[in-house]
């Protein structure tokens, strides 16, 4: 391999890396984590038609969150690759476990989600009008 071929290959790699950076490909940073209740609420409102968040709880590992909405609606937000995935669930699908709140979505592809480090008391504070949790 000549120096010209090596330089051309290196230049092509740098150009492709620059394009990937501009297109934000492969980024698992901010977009792929549930950083705070506001970002979880925003994700739920953007993903679900007519959903108006009134509060959110983020798991200790920032991998998932529960978002309470107006009129008794609830959504679960989780990491899915470099993005966030959102599903609306019923409160009856949320139950306490030792690790946190387990959300059994009923969607085989989405799967069950554990929002680590939160408990029933946190849920009561989030949505005080609930009587079935």
C-alpha atoms as a PDB file:
ATOM      1  CA  UNK A   1       0.000   0.000   0.000  1.00  0.00           C
ATOM      2  CA  UNK A   2       1.412   3.384  -0.958  1.00  0.00           C
ATOM      3  CA  UNK A   3       1.374   6.507   1.129  1.00  0.00           C
ATOM      4  CA  UNK A   4      -1.204   8.039  -1.217  1.00  0.00           C
ATOM      5  CA  UNK A   5      -3.587   5.116  -0.700  1.00  0.00           C
ATOM      6  CA  UNK A   6      -3.103   5.304   3.050  1.00  0.00           C
ATOM      7  CA  UNK A   7      -3.725   9.064   3.090  1.00  0.00           C
ATOM      8  CA  UNK A   8      -6.826   8.640   0.892  1.00  0.00           C
ATOM      9  CA  UNK A   9      -8.213   5.929   3.164  1.00  0.00           C
ATOM     10  CA  UNK A  10      -7.578   8.049   6.254  1.00  0.00           C
ATOM     11  CA  UNK A  11      -9.272  11.056   4.639  1.00  0.00           C
ATOM     12  CA  UNK A  12     -12.304   8.932   3.737  1.00  0.00           C
ATOM     13  CA  UNK A  13     -12.585   7.685   7.328  1.00  0.00           C
ATOM     14  CA  UNK A  14     -12.419  11.238   8.684  1.00  0.00           C
ATOM     15  CA  UNK A  15     -15.080  12.418   6.198  1.00  0.00           C
ATOM     16  CA  UNK A  16     -17.422   9.527   7.078  1.00  0.00           C
ATOM     17  CA  UNK A  17     -16.934  10.124  10.792  1.00  0.00           C
ATOM     18  CA  UNK A  18     -17.751  13.810  10.270  1.00  0.00           C
ATOM     19  CA  UNK A  19     -20.934  12.918   8.386  1.00  0.00           C
ATOM     20  CA  UNK A  20     -21.994  10.498  11.121  1.00  0.00           C
ATOM     21  CA  UNK A  21     -21.401  13.206  13.717  1.00  0.00           C
ATOM     22  CA  UNK A  22     -23.422  15.768  11.733  1.00  0.00           C
ATOM     23  CA  UNK A  23     -26.304  13.314  11.345  1.00  0.00           C
ATOM     24  CA  UNK A  24     -26.036  12.357  15.044  1.00  0.00           C
ATOM     25  CA  UNK A  25     -25.774   8.677  14.171  1.00  0.00           C
ATOM     26  CA  UNK A  26     -24.812   6.203  16.887  1.00  0.00           C
ATOM     27  CA  UNK A  27     -25.229   8.677  19.713  1.00  0.00           C
ATOM     28  CA  UNK A  28     -26.362   7.020  22.907  1.00  0.00           C
ATOM     29  CA  UNK A  29     -25.790  10.096  25.034  1.00  0.00           C
ATOM     30  CA  UNK A  30     -28.549  12.501  25.993  1.00  0.00           C
ATOM     31  CA  UNK A  31     -31.163  11.164  23.584  1.00  0.00           C
ATOM     32  CA  UNK A  32     -30.869   7.617  24.911  1.00  0.00           C
ATOM     33  CA  UNK A  33     -31.246   8.298  28.594  1.00  0.00           C
ATOM     34  CA  UNK A  34     -34.088   9.548  30.688  1.00  0.00           C
ATOM     35  CA  UNK A  35     -32.115  12.331  32.339  1.00  0.00           C
ATOM     36  CA  UNK A  36     -34.823  14.023  34.368  1.00  0.00           C
ATOM     37  CA  UNK A  37     -38.585  14.119  34.873  1.00  0.00           C
ATOM     38  CA  UNK A  38     -38.932  16.954  32.353  1.00  0.00           C
ATOM     39  CA  UNK A  39     -37.319  14.970  29.523  1.00  0.00           C
ATOM     40  CA  UNK A  40     -39.494  11.948  30.342  1.00  0.00           C
ATOM     41  CA  UNK A  41     -42.637  14.086  30.342  1.00  0.00           C
ATOM     42  CA  UNK A  42     -41.619  15.712  27.056  1.00  0.00           C
ATOM     43  CA  UNK A  43     -40.986  12.315  25.443  1.00  0.00           C
ATOM     44  CA  UNK A  44     -44.427  11.049  26.524  1.00  0.00           C
ATOM     45  CA  UNK A  45     -46.194  14.178  25.284  1.00  0.00           C
ATOM     46  CA  UNK A  46     -44.418  13.991  21.922  1.00  0.00           C
ATOM     47  CA  UNK A  47     -45.105  10.281  21.436  1.00  0.00           C
ATOM     48  CA  UNK A  48     -48.707   9.988  22.627  1.00  0.00           C
ATOM     49  CA  UNK A  49     -51.538  11.956  21.036  1.00  0.00           C
ATOM     50  CA  UNK A  50     -53.320  14.197  23.507  1.00  0.00           C
ATOM     51  CA  UNK A  51     -51.127  13.152  26.430  1.00  0.00           C
ATOM     52  CA  UNK A  52     -50.562  15.960  28.941  1.00  0.00           C
ATOM     53  CA  UNK A  53     -47.986  15.087  31.590  1.00  0.00           C
ATOM     54  CA  UNK A  54     -48.608  16.160  35.165  1.00  0.00           C
ATOM     55  CA  UNK A  55     -45.513  14.536  36.671  1.00  0.00           C
ATOM     56  CA  UNK A  56     -42.810  11.942  36.123  1.00  0.00           C
ATOM     57  CA  UNK A  57     -40.550   9.613  38.109  1.00  0.00           C
ATOM     58  CA  UNK A  58     -37.163   8.621  36.705  1.00  0.00           C
ATOM     59  CA  UNK A  59     -35.460   5.392  37.733  1.00  0.00           C
ATOM     60  CA  UNK A  60     -32.159   5.465  39.576  1.00  0.00           C
ATOM     61  CA  UNK A  61     -30.317   4.091  36.531  1.00  0.00           C
ATOM     62  CA  UNK A  62     -31.980   6.650  34.207  1.00  0.00           C
ATOM     63  CA  UNK A  63     -33.004   3.802  31.909  1.00  0.00           C
ATOM     64  CA  UNK A  64     -36.762   4.219  32.391  1.00  0.00           C
ATOM     65  CA  UNK A  65     -39.439   6.492  33.786  1.00  0.00           C
ATOM     66  CA  UNK A  66     -43.127   6.563  34.644  1.00  0.00           C
ATOM     67  CA  UNK A  67     -45.089   9.596  33.498  1.00  0.00           C
ATOM     68  CA  UNK A  68     -48.481  10.400  34.989  1.00  0.00           C
ATOM     69  CA  UNK A  69     -50.844  12.211  32.684  1.00  0.00           C
ATOM     70  CA  UNK A  70     -54.062  14.123  33.008  1.00  0.00           C
ATOM     71  CA  UNK A  71     -57.289  12.117  33.302  1.00  0.00           C
ATOM     72  CA  UNK A  72     -55.548   9.123  34.909  1.00  0.00           C
ATOM     73  CA  UNK A  73     -53.315   8.291  31.942  1.00  0.00           C
ATOM     74  CA  UNK A  74     -49.851   6.834  32.496  1.00  0.00           C
ATOM     75  CA  UNK A  75     -46.911   6.201  30.196  1.00  0.00           C
ATOM     76  CA  UNK A  76     -43.674   4.296  30.542  1.00  0.00           C
ATOM     77  CA  UNK A  77     -40.539   5.657  28.888  1.00  0.00           C
ATOM     78  CA  UNK A  78     -37.434   3.548  28.327  1.00  0.00           C
ATOM     79  CA  UNK A  79     -34.186   3.571  26.411  1.00  0.00           C
ATOM     80  CA  UNK A  80     -34.341   1.907  23.028  1.00  0.00           C
ATOM     81  CA  UNK A  81     -30.914   2.099  21.436  1.00  0.00           C
ATOM     82  CA  UNK A  82     -30.000   5.750  21.007  1.00  0.00           C
ATOM     83  CA  UNK A  83     -33.613   6.905  21.385  1.00  0.00           C
ATOM     84  CA  UNK A  84     -36.442   6.813  23.885  1.00  0.00           C
ATOM     85  CA  UNK A  85     -39.469   4.560  23.423  1.00  0.00           C
ATOM     86  CA  UNK A  86     -42.838   5.350  24.980  1.00  0.00           C
ATOM     87  CA  UNK A  87     -45.928   3.214  25.616  1.00  0.00           C
ATOM     88  CA  UNK A  88     -49.165   4.118  27.298  1.00  0.00           C
ATOM     89  CA  UNK A  89     -50.233   1.581  29.906  1.00  0.00           C
ATOM     90  CA  UNK A  90     -52.938   1.198  32.529  1.00  0.00           C
ATOM     91  CA  UNK A  91     -52.136   1.771  36.177  1.00  0.00           C
ATOM     92  CA  UNK A  92     -53.135  -1.855  36.804  1.00  0.00           C
ATOM     93  CA  UNK A  93     -50.076  -2.895  34.749  1.00  0.00           C
ATOM     94  CA  UNK A  94     -47.738  -1.215  37.260  1.00  0.00           C
ATOM     95  CA  UNK A  95     -46.722  -3.142  40.368  1.00  0.00           C
ATOM     96  CA  UNK A  96     -44.126  -2.904  43.089  1.00  0.00           C
ATOM     97  CA  UNK A  97     -41.119  -5.215  43.202  1.00  0.00           C
ATOM     98  CA  UNK A  98     -37.965  -5.290  45.291  1.00  0.00           C
ATOM     99  CA  UNK A  99     -36.001  -3.426  42.572  1.00  0.00           C
ATOM    100  CA  UNK A 100     -38.616  -0.789  41.794  1.00  0.00           C
ATOM    101  CA  UNK A 101     -41.863  -0.506  39.901  1.00  0.00           C
ATOM    102  CA  UNK A 102     -42.404  -3.165  37.243  1.00  0.00           C
ATOM    103  CA  UNK A 103     -44.494  -2.158  34.250  1.00  0.00           C
ATOM    104  CA  UNK A 104     -45.889  -5.130  32.338  1.00  0.00           C
ATOM    105  CA  UNK A 105     -46.714  -3.447  29.035  1.00  0.00           C
ATOM    106  CA  UNK A 106     -48.388  -6.436  27.411  1.00  0.00           C
ATOM    107  CA  UNK A 107     -46.389  -5.629  24.261  1.00  0.00           C
ATOM    108  CA  UNK A 108     -44.040  -8.503  23.486  1.00  0.00           C
ATOM    109  CA  UNK A 109     -41.689  -6.301  21.452  1.00  0.00           C
ATOM    110  CA  UNK A 110     -41.560  -3.523  24.063  1.00  0.00           C
ATOM    111  CA  UNK A 111     -41.325  -5.951  26.974  1.00  0.00           C
ATOM    112  CA  UNK A 112     -41.651  -5.420  30.698  1.00  0.00           C
ATOM    113  CA  UNK A 113     -39.877  -2.401  32.134  1.00  0.00           C
ATOM    114  CA  UNK A 114     -38.531  -1.904  35.655  1.00  0.00           C
ATOM    115  CA  UNK A 115     -38.261   1.669  36.854  1.00  0.00           C
ATOM    116  CA  UNK A 116     -35.564   1.105  39.456  1.00  0.00           C
ATOM    117  CA  UNK A 117     -35.456   2.739  42.848  1.00  0.00           C
ATOM    118  CA  UNK A 118     -39.025   4.024  43.023  1.00  0.00           C
ATOM    119  CA  UNK A 119     -41.754   2.620  45.220  1.00  0.00           C
ATOM    120  CA  UNK A 120     -45.460   2.848  45.917  1.00  0.00           C
ATOM    121  CA  UNK A 121     -44.997   5.942  48.075  1.00  0.00           C
ATOM    122  CA  UNK A 122     -43.335   7.714  45.136  1.00  0.00           C
ATOM    123  CA  UNK A 123     -46.303   6.717  42.948  1.00  0.00           C
ATOM    124  CA  UNK A 124     -48.739   8.084  45.549  1.00  0.00           C
ATOM    125  CA  UNK A 125     -46.867  11.396  45.544  1.00  0.00           C
ATOM    126  CA  UNK A 126     -46.851  11.465  41.739  1.00  0.00           C
ATOM    127  CA  UNK A 127     -50.539  10.701  41.333  1.00  0.00           C
ATOM    128  CA  UNK A 128     -52.291  11.219  44.674  1.00  0.00           C
ATOM    129  CA  UNK A 129     -55.769  10.577  43.250  1.00  0.00           C
ATOM    130  CA  UNK A 130     -54.967   6.914  42.577  1.00  0.00           C
ATOM    131  CA  UNK A 131     -56.634   4.358  44.766  1.00  0.00           C
ATOM    132  CA  UNK A 132     -55.726   1.133  42.958  1.00  0.00           C
ATOM    133  CA  UNK A 133     -51.896   1.207  43.126  1.00  0.00           C
END
